[in-house]
Amino acid sequence: MLFHFLLLQLALKDHSTLYIIIRLLEEHLRIGFDVIKSATENFAEKYFIGKGGYGWVYKAELEHFDSSVMEGDKEPKLPRRRSTVAIKYILHREDKHGEQGFFKEIDTLSSCKHPNIVCLLGFCYEPPHMILV
């Protein structure tokens, strides 16, 4: 977690390192834009559930890494499952606040374990697309 924090601090000072940081994040959380686009039928209105200051939220069925079955000290097998998920599509902003918020949310949601906070199931970072699942 400290490692993620230090990388995030570096990224916020130097935007050219943002892409490198995403490449260093766990590969099992990465979901391709084409997979998300297909699951939402090109972000069709029937999947749209809300919007906020940084983007839109959709609901769809998607296959993702299942973190609930990680076994103690054993090497994880990275099981996958299909379920209904929230897909947060973060809008591109000229002031870079959307991009900074995206990385902060990845850092927070991937390291925080609390019953009242949703866990990060995956993300897509294929500029200009920034999506949290």
N, C-alpha and C. Protein backbone atom coordinates (compact mmCIF):
# COMPACT_ATOMS: atom_id res chain seq x y z
N MET A 1 0.82 -1.18 0.00
CA MET A 1 0.00 0.00 0.00
C MET A 1 0.88 1.26 0.00
N LEU A 2 1.94 1.25 0.74
CA LEU A 2 2.86 2.38 0.75
C LEU A 2 3.46 2.57 -0.65
N PHE A 3 3.77 1.47 -1.31
CA PHE A 3 4.31 1.53 -2.66
C PHE A 3 3.32 2.23 -3.59
N HIS A 4 2.03 1.84 -3.53
CA HIS A 4 1.00 2.48 -4.36
C HIS A 4 0.92 3.97 -4.04
N PHE A 5 0.98 4.32 -2.77
CA PHE A 5 0.89 5.72 -2.36
C PHE A 5 2.05 6.53 -2.95
N LEU A 6 3.27 6.00 -2.86
CA LEU A 6 4.43 6.72 -3.38
C LEU A 6 4.35 6.89 -4.89
N LEU A 7 3.91 5.84 -5.58
CA LEU A 7 3.75 5.95 -7.03
C LEU A 7 2.70 7.00 -7.38
N LEU A 8 1.61 7.01 -6.64
CA LEU A 8 0.55 7.98 -6.88
C LEU A 8 1.06 9.40 -6.68
N GLN A 9 1.81 9.63 -5.62
CA GLN A 9 2.35 10.97 -5.36
C GLN A 9 3.27 11.41 -6.50
N LEU A 10 4.09 10.50 -6.99
CA LEU A 10 4.97 10.82 -8.12
C LEU A 10 4.14 11.14 -9.36
N ALA A 11 3.10 10.37 -9.59
CA ALA A 11 2.25 10.58 -10.78
C ALA A 11 1.55 11.92 -10.74
N LEU A 12 1.12 12.34 -9.57
CA LEU A 12 0.41 13.60 -9.47
C LEU A 12 1.32 14.79 -9.75
N LYS A 13 2.62 14.60 -9.55
CA LYS A 13 3.58 15.67 -9.83
C LYS A 13 4.03 15.65 -11.28
N ASP A 14 4.07 14.46 -11.87
CA ASP A 14 4.57 14.32 -13.23
C ASP A 14 3.60 13.46 -14.03
N HIS A 15 2.75 14.10 -14.84
CA HIS A 15 1.70 13.38 -15.56
C HIS A 15 2.25 12.36 -16.55
N SER A 16 3.49 12.51 -16.99
CA SER A 16 4.04 11.55 -17.95
C SER A 16 4.24 10.18 -17.33
N THR A 17 4.25 10.10 -15.99
CA THR A 17 4.43 8.80 -15.34
C THR A 17 3.11 8.07 -15.10
N LEU A 18 1.96 8.71 -15.37
CA LEU A 18 0.67 8.08 -15.10
C LEU A 18 0.52 6.76 -15.84
N TYR A 19 0.87 6.73 -17.10
CA TYR A 19 0.72 5.51 -17.89
C TYR A 19 1.62 4.39 -17.33
N ILE A 20 2.81 4.72 -16.92
CA ILE A 20 3.72 3.73 -16.36
C ILE A 20 3.14 3.13 -15.08
N ILE A 21 2.53 3.96 -14.26
CA ILE A 21 1.95 3.48 -13.02
C ILE A 21 0.83 2.48 -13.28
N ILE A 22 -0.02 2.79 -14.23
CA ILE A 22 -1.10 1.85 -14.56
C ILE A 22 -0.52 0.52 -15.03
N ARG A 23 0.57 0.57 -15.78
CA ARG A 23 1.20 -0.68 -16.24
C ARG A 23 1.76 -1.48 -15.07
N LEU A 24 2.11 -0.82 -13.97
CA LEU A 24 2.64 -1.52 -12.81
C LEU A 24 1.56 -2.12 -11.91
N LEU A 25 0.33 -1.65 -12.06
CA LEU A 25 -0.76 -2.19 -11.24
C LEU A 25 -1.01 -3.64 -11.60
N GLU A 26 -1.64 -4.36 -10.70
CA GLU A 26 -1.88 -5.78 -10.92
C GLU A 26 -2.59 -6.03 -12.24
N GLU A 27 -2.02 -6.89 -13.04
CA GLU A 27 -2.55 -7.20 -14.36
C GLU A 27 -3.94 -7.82 -14.29
N HIS A 28 -4.24 -8.55 -13.23
CA HIS A 28 -5.54 -9.23 -13.15
C HIS A 28 -6.71 -8.26 -13.02
N LEU A 29 -6.46 -6.99 -12.72
CA LEU A 29 -7.53 -6.01 -12.62
C LEU A 29 -7.83 -5.32 -13.96
N ARG A 30 -6.99 -5.53 -14.92
CA ARG A 30 -7.13 -4.84 -16.21
C ARG A 30 -8.25 -5.49 -17.03
N ILE A 31 -9.17 -4.64 -17.54
CA ILE A 31 -10.26 -5.09 -18.40
C ILE A 31 -10.21 -4.23 -19.66
N GLY A 32 -10.21 -4.86 -20.81
CA GLY A 32 -10.10 -4.13 -22.07
C GLY A 32 -11.33 -3.28 -22.38
N PHE A 33 -11.10 -2.16 -23.06
CA PHE A 33 -12.20 -1.27 -23.42
C PHE A 33 -13.22 -1.99 -24.29
N ASP A 34 -12.74 -2.83 -25.20
CA ASP A 34 -13.66 -3.55 -26.09
C ASP A 34 -14.60 -4.47 -25.31
N VAL A 35 -14.13 -5.06 -24.21
CA VAL A 35 -14.95 -5.94 -23.37
C VAL A 35 -16.05 -5.12 -22.69
N ILE A 36 -15.68 -3.97 -22.14
CA ILE A 36 -16.65 -3.10 -21.46
C ILE A 36 -17.65 -2.53 -22.46
N LYS A 37 -17.16 -2.12 -23.61
CA LYS A 37 -18.02 -1.56 -24.65
C LYS A 37 -19.05 -2.60 -25.10
N SER A 38 -18.61 -3.84 -25.23
CA SER A 38 -19.51 -4.92 -25.62
C SER A 38 -20.55 -5.21 -24.53
N ALA A 39 -20.12 -5.24 -23.27
CA ALA A 39 -21.03 -5.53 -22.15
C ALA A 39 -22.12 -4.49 -22.01
N THR A 40 -21.81 -3.24 -22.38
CA THR A 40 -22.80 -2.16 -22.28
C THR A 40 -23.45 -1.84 -23.62
N GLU A 41 -23.18 -2.69 -24.62
CA GLU A 41 -23.70 -2.46 -25.97
C GLU A 41 -23.40 -1.03 -26.43
N ASN A 42 -22.12 -0.70 -26.38
CA ASN A 42 -21.61 0.62 -26.77
C ASN A 42 -22.21 1.73 -25.88
N PHE A 43 -22.29 1.43 -24.59
CA PHE A 43 -22.77 2.37 -23.58
C PHE A 43 -24.20 2.83 -23.89
N ALA A 44 -25.03 1.85 -24.19
CA ALA A 44 -26.43 2.11 -24.52
C ALA A 44 -27.18 2.69 -23.33
N GLU A 45 -28.20 3.48 -23.63
CA GLU A 45 -28.99 4.16 -22.60
C GLU A 45 -29.65 3.17 -21.63
N LYS A 46 -30.01 1.98 -22.10
CA LYS A 46 -30.67 1.01 -21.22
C LYS A 46 -29.76 0.54 -20.08
N TYR A 47 -28.44 0.74 -20.20
CA TYR A 47 -27.49 0.37 -19.15
C TYR A 47 -27.11 1.55 -18.25
N PHE A 48 -27.49 2.74 -18.64
CA PHE A 48 -27.13 3.96 -17.92
C PHE A 48 -27.91 4.05 -16.61
N ILE A 49 -27.19 4.28 -15.48
CA ILE A 49 -27.87 4.39 -14.19
C ILE A 49 -27.62 5.71 -13.46
N GLY A 50 -26.69 6.53 -13.93
CA GLY A 50 -26.47 7.81 -13.26
C GLY A 50 -25.24 8.54 -13.77
N LYS A 51 -25.08 9.78 -13.27
CA LYS A 51 -23.91 10.56 -13.65
C LYS A 51 -23.47 11.42 -12.48
N GLY A 52 -22.21 11.80 -12.51
CA GLY A 52 -21.65 12.65 -11.48
C GLY A 52 -20.73 13.67 -12.11
N GLY A 53 -19.98 14.37 -11.29
CA GLY A 53 -19.09 15.41 -11.77
C GLY A 53 -17.97 14.90 -12.65
N TYR A 54 -17.59 13.64 -12.49
CA TYR A 54 -16.46 13.11 -13.25
C TYR A 54 -16.86 12.12 -14.33
N GLY A 55 -18.14 11.76 -14.43
CA GLY A 55 -18.49 10.82 -15.48
C GLY A 55 -19.84 10.17 -15.31
N TRP A 56 -20.03 9.09 -16.07
CA TRP A 56 -21.30 8.38 -16.13
C TRP A 56 -21.14 6.99 -15.50
N VAL A 57 -22.25 6.44 -15.01
CA VAL A 57 -22.23 5.10 -14.43
C VAL A 57 -23.24 4.23 -15.17
N TYR A 58 -22.79 3.03 -15.50
CA TYR A 58 -23.60 2.05 -16.20
C TYR A 58 -23.66 0.77 -15.37
N LYS A 59 -24.66 -0.06 -15.65
CA LYS A 59 -24.80 -1.36 -15.00
C LYS A 59 -24.81 -2.41 -16.10
N ALA A 60 -23.99 -3.46 -15.95
CA ALA A 60 -23.93 -4.50 -16.98
C ALA A 60 -23.38 -5.80 -16.39
N GLU A 61 -23.55 -6.88 -17.12
CA GLU A 61 -22.96 -8.18 -16.78
C GLU A 61 -21.55 -8.20 -17.35
N LEU A 62 -20.58 -8.60 -16.53
CA LEU A 62 -19.19 -8.58 -16.97
C LEU A 62 -18.40 -9.66 -16.26
N GLU A 63 -17.47 -10.28 -16.95
CA GLU A 63 -16.57 -11.24 -16.33
C GLU A 63 -15.40 -10.48 -15.72
N HIS A 64 -15.03 -10.86 -14.49
CA HIS A 64 -13.96 -10.16 -13.79
C HIS A 64 -13.25 -11.10 -12.84
N PHE A 65 -12.13 -10.67 -12.31
CA PHE A 65 -11.36 -11.40 -11.31
C PHE A 65 -12.19 -11.50 -10.04
N ASP A 66 -12.22 -12.67 -9.43
CA ASP A 66 -13.01 -12.90 -8.21
C ASP A 66 -12.08 -12.90 -7.00
N SER A 67 -11.98 -11.76 -6.33
CA SER A 67 -11.07 -11.64 -5.19
C SER A 67 -11.59 -12.33 -3.94
N SER A 68 -12.85 -12.75 -3.94
CA SER A 68 -13.42 -13.35 -2.74
C SER A 68 -12.91 -14.76 -2.49
N VAL A 69 -12.21 -15.37 -3.43
CA VAL A 69 -11.76 -16.74 -3.26
C VAL A 69 -10.25 -16.86 -3.12
N MET A 70 -9.58 -15.80 -2.78
CA MET A 70 -8.14 -15.86 -2.55
C MET A 70 -7.87 -16.75 -1.35
N GLU A 71 -6.88 -17.64 -1.48
CA GLU A 71 -6.59 -18.60 -0.43
C GLU A 71 -5.30 -18.25 0.29
N GLY A 72 -5.39 -17.95 1.57
CA GLY A 72 -4.26 -17.75 2.49
C GLY A 72 -2.91 -17.57 1.87
N ASP A 73 -1.98 -18.47 2.19
CA ASP A 73 -0.59 -18.36 1.75
C ASP A 73 -0.34 -19.00 0.40
N LYS A 74 -1.32 -19.68 -0.16
CA LYS A 74 -1.14 -20.35 -1.44
C LYS A 74 -1.08 -19.35 -2.58
N GLU A 75 -0.42 -19.75 -3.64
CA GLU A 75 -0.35 -18.93 -4.84
C GLU A 75 -1.75 -18.80 -5.44
N PRO A 76 -2.25 -17.59 -5.64
CA PRO A 76 -3.60 -17.44 -6.17
C PRO A 76 -3.71 -17.96 -7.59
N LYS A 77 -4.87 -18.54 -7.91
CA LYS A 77 -5.11 -19.06 -9.25
C LYS A 77 -5.87 -18.06 -10.11
N LEU A 78 -6.19 -16.90 -9.56
CA LEU A 78 -6.88 -15.84 -10.25
C LEU A 78 -8.17 -16.32 -10.91
N PRO A 79 -9.09 -16.84 -10.11
CA PRO A 79 -10.37 -17.28 -10.66
C PRO A 79 -11.19 -16.10 -11.17
N ARG A 80 -12.08 -16.38 -12.12
CA ARG A 80 -12.91 -15.34 -12.70
C ARG A 80 -14.36 -15.74 -12.52
N ARG A 81 -15.23 -14.73 -12.51
CA ARG A 81 -16.66 -15.00 -12.46
C ARG A 81 -17.39 -13.89 -13.20
N ARG A 82 -18.63 -14.16 -13.54
CA ARG A 82 -19.47 -13.19 -14.24
C ARG A 82 -20.53 -12.70 -13.27
N SER A 83 -20.70 -11.38 -13.20
CA SER A 83 -21.72 -10.82 -12.32
C SER A 83 -22.14 -9.44 -12.82
N THR A 84 -23.20 -8.93 -12.19
CA THR A 84 -23.66 -7.58 -12.51
C THR A 84 -22.75 -6.59 -11.79
N VAL A 85 -22.24 -5.62 -12.51
CA VAL A 85 -21.28 -4.67 -11.95
C VAL A 85 -21.67 -3.24 -12.30
N ALA A 86 -21.14 -2.31 -11.54
CA ALA A 86 -21.24 -0.88 -11.87
C ALA A 86 -19.99 -0.51 -12.66
N ILE A 87 -20.18 0.22 -13.73
CA ILE A 87 -19.09 0.64 -14.61
C ILE A 87 -19.05 2.16 -14.61
N LYS A 88 -18.00 2.72 -14.06
CA LYS A 88 -17.87 4.18 -13.98
C LYS A 88 -16.94 4.66 -15.08
N TYR A 89 -17.52 5.35 -16.06
CA TYR A 89 -16.77 5.88 -17.20
C TYR A 89 -16.41 7.32 -16.88
N ILE A 90 -15.13 7.56 -16.63
CA ILE A 90 -14.66 8.89 -16.23
C ILE A 90 -14.39 9.72 -17.49
N LEU A 91 -15.00 10.90 -17.51
CA LEU A 91 -14.87 11.79 -18.66
C LEU A 91 -13.49 12.44 -18.70
N HIS A 92 -13.00 12.62 -19.90
CA HIS A 92 -11.73 13.33 -20.09
C HIS A 92 -11.93 14.81 -19.78
N ARG A 93 -11.02 15.37 -19.00
CA ARG A 93 -11.09 16.80 -18.65
C ARG A 93 -9.76 17.44 -19.01
N GLU A 94 -9.82 18.65 -19.51
CA GLU A 94 -8.61 19.37 -19.90
C GLU A 94 -7.71 19.68 -18.69
N ASP A 95 -8.32 19.85 -17.51
CA ASP A 95 -7.53 20.22 -16.33
C ASP A 95 -6.88 19.02 -15.62
N LYS A 96 -7.04 17.83 -16.16
CA LYS A 96 -6.43 16.60 -15.63
C LYS A 96 -7.01 16.14 -14.30
N HIS A 97 -8.04 16.81 -13.75
CA HIS A 97 -8.63 16.36 -12.49
C HIS A 97 -9.30 14.99 -12.64
N GLY A 98 -9.86 14.71 -13.79
CA GLY A 98 -10.47 13.41 -14.03
C GLY A 98 -9.44 12.29 -13.96
N GLU A 99 -8.30 12.52 -14.58
CA GLU A 99 -7.22 11.54 -14.60
C GLU A 99 -6.65 11.33 -13.19
N GLN A 100 -6.44 12.42 -12.46
CA GLN A 100 -5.93 12.30 -11.09
C GLN A 100 -6.93 11.57 -10.20
N GLY A 101 -8.21 11.90 -10.34
CA GLY A 101 -9.24 11.23 -9.57
C GLY A 101 -9.31 9.75 -9.88
N PHE A 102 -9.13 9.40 -11.15
CA PHE A 102 -9.13 8.01 -11.60
C PHE A 102 -8.06 7.21 -10.87
N PHE A 103 -6.83 7.73 -10.85
CA PHE A 103 -5.73 7.02 -10.21
C PHE A 103 -5.90 6.97 -8.69
N LYS A 104 -6.43 8.03 -8.11
CA LYS A 104 -6.69 8.02 -6.66
C LYS A 104 -7.73 6.97 -6.31
N GLU A 105 -8.78 6.86 -7.13
CA GLU A 105 -9.80 5.85 -6.85
C GLU A 105 -9.26 4.44 -7.00
N ILE A 106 -8.43 4.19 -8.00
CA ILE A 106 -7.81 2.87 -8.15
C ILE A 106 -7.00 2.54 -6.91
N ASP A 107 -6.19 3.50 -6.47
CA ASP A 107 -5.35 3.28 -5.29
C ASP A 107 -6.20 3.01 -4.05
N THR A 108 -7.22 3.82 -3.83
CA THR A 108 -8.06 3.68 -2.65
C THR A 108 -8.87 2.39 -2.67
N LEU A 109 -9.56 2.14 -3.78
CA LEU A 109 -10.44 0.98 -3.84
C LEU A 109 -9.68 -0.35 -3.90
N SER A 110 -8.46 -0.34 -4.42
CA SER A 110 -7.70 -1.60 -4.49
C SER A 110 -7.00 -1.92 -3.17
N SER A 111 -6.91 -0.96 -2.27
CA SER A 111 -6.22 -1.22 -1.00
C SER A 111 -7.14 -1.16 0.22
N CYS A 112 -8.35 -0.68 0.04
CA CYS A 112 -9.27 -0.51 1.17
C CYS A 112 -10.20 -1.70 1.28
N LYS A 113 -10.29 -2.28 2.46
CA LYS A 113 -11.20 -3.40 2.71
C LYS A 113 -12.15 -3.00 3.83
N HIS A 114 -13.41 -2.73 3.47
CA HIS A 114 -14.41 -2.33 4.46
C HIS A 114 -15.77 -2.76 3.94
N PRO A 115 -16.66 -3.25 4.82
CA PRO A 115 -17.96 -3.73 4.36
C PRO A 115 -18.84 -2.67 3.71
N ASN A 116 -18.58 -1.38 3.97
CA ASN A 116 -19.40 -0.32 3.41
C ASN A 116 -18.78 0.35 2.18
N ILE A 117 -17.67 -0.19 1.71
CA ILE A 117 -16.99 0.38 0.55
C ILE A 117 -16.91 -0.70 -0.53
N VAL A 118 -17.33 -0.35 -1.74
CA VAL A 118 -17.27 -1.32 -2.83
C VAL A 118 -15.82 -1.62 -3.16
N CYS A 119 -15.57 -2.84 -3.60
CA CYS A 119 -14.19 -3.19 -3.97
C CYS A 119 -14.01 -2.97 -5.47
N LEU A 120 -12.80 -2.71 -5.85
CA LEU A 120 -12.46 -2.52 -7.25
C LEU A 120 -12.34 -3.89 -7.90
N LEU A 121 -13.17 -4.17 -8.89
CA LEU A 121 -13.13 -5.45 -9.59
C LEU A 121 -12.23 -5.37 -10.81
N GLY A 122 -12.04 -4.17 -11.32
CA GLY A 122 -11.20 -4.02 -12.49
C GLY A 122 -11.18 -2.57 -12.95
N PHE A 123 -10.36 -2.30 -13.96
CA PHE A 123 -10.27 -0.96 -14.53
C PHE A 123 -9.85 -1.06 -15.98
N CYS A 124 -10.09 0.02 -16.71
CA CYS A 124 -9.63 0.14 -18.09
C CYS A 124 -8.93 1.49 -18.20
N TYR A 125 -7.70 1.46 -18.65
CA TYR A 125 -6.99 2.71 -18.94
C TYR A 125 -6.39 2.57 -20.33
N GLU A 126 -7.18 2.98 -21.31
CA GLU A 126 -6.76 3.00 -22.70
C GLU A 126 -7.09 4.40 -23.19
N PRO A 127 -6.16 5.37 -22.96
CA PRO A 127 -6.47 6.78 -23.26
C PRO A 127 -7.17 6.95 -24.60
N PRO A 128 -8.23 7.75 -24.60
CA PRO A 128 -8.73 8.63 -23.54
C PRO A 128 -9.71 7.96 -22.58
N HIS A 129 -9.88 6.64 -22.69
CA HIS A 129 -10.87 5.93 -21.88
C HIS A 129 -10.30 5.58 -20.50
N MET A 130 -11.04 6.01 -19.45
CA MET A 130 -10.69 5.72 -18.06
C MET A 130 -11.96 5.18 -17.40
N ILE A 131 -11.93 3.89 -17.04
CA ILE A 131 -13.13 3.23 -16.55
C ILE A 131 -12.80 2.41 -15.31
N LEU A 132 -13.67 2.52 -14.29
CA LEU A 132 -13.56 1.72 -13.08
C LEU A 132 -14.72 0.73 -13.03
N VAL A 133 -14.44 -0.49 -12.64
CA VAL A 133 -15.48 -1.51 -12.52
C VAL A 133 -15.53 -1.96 -11.08
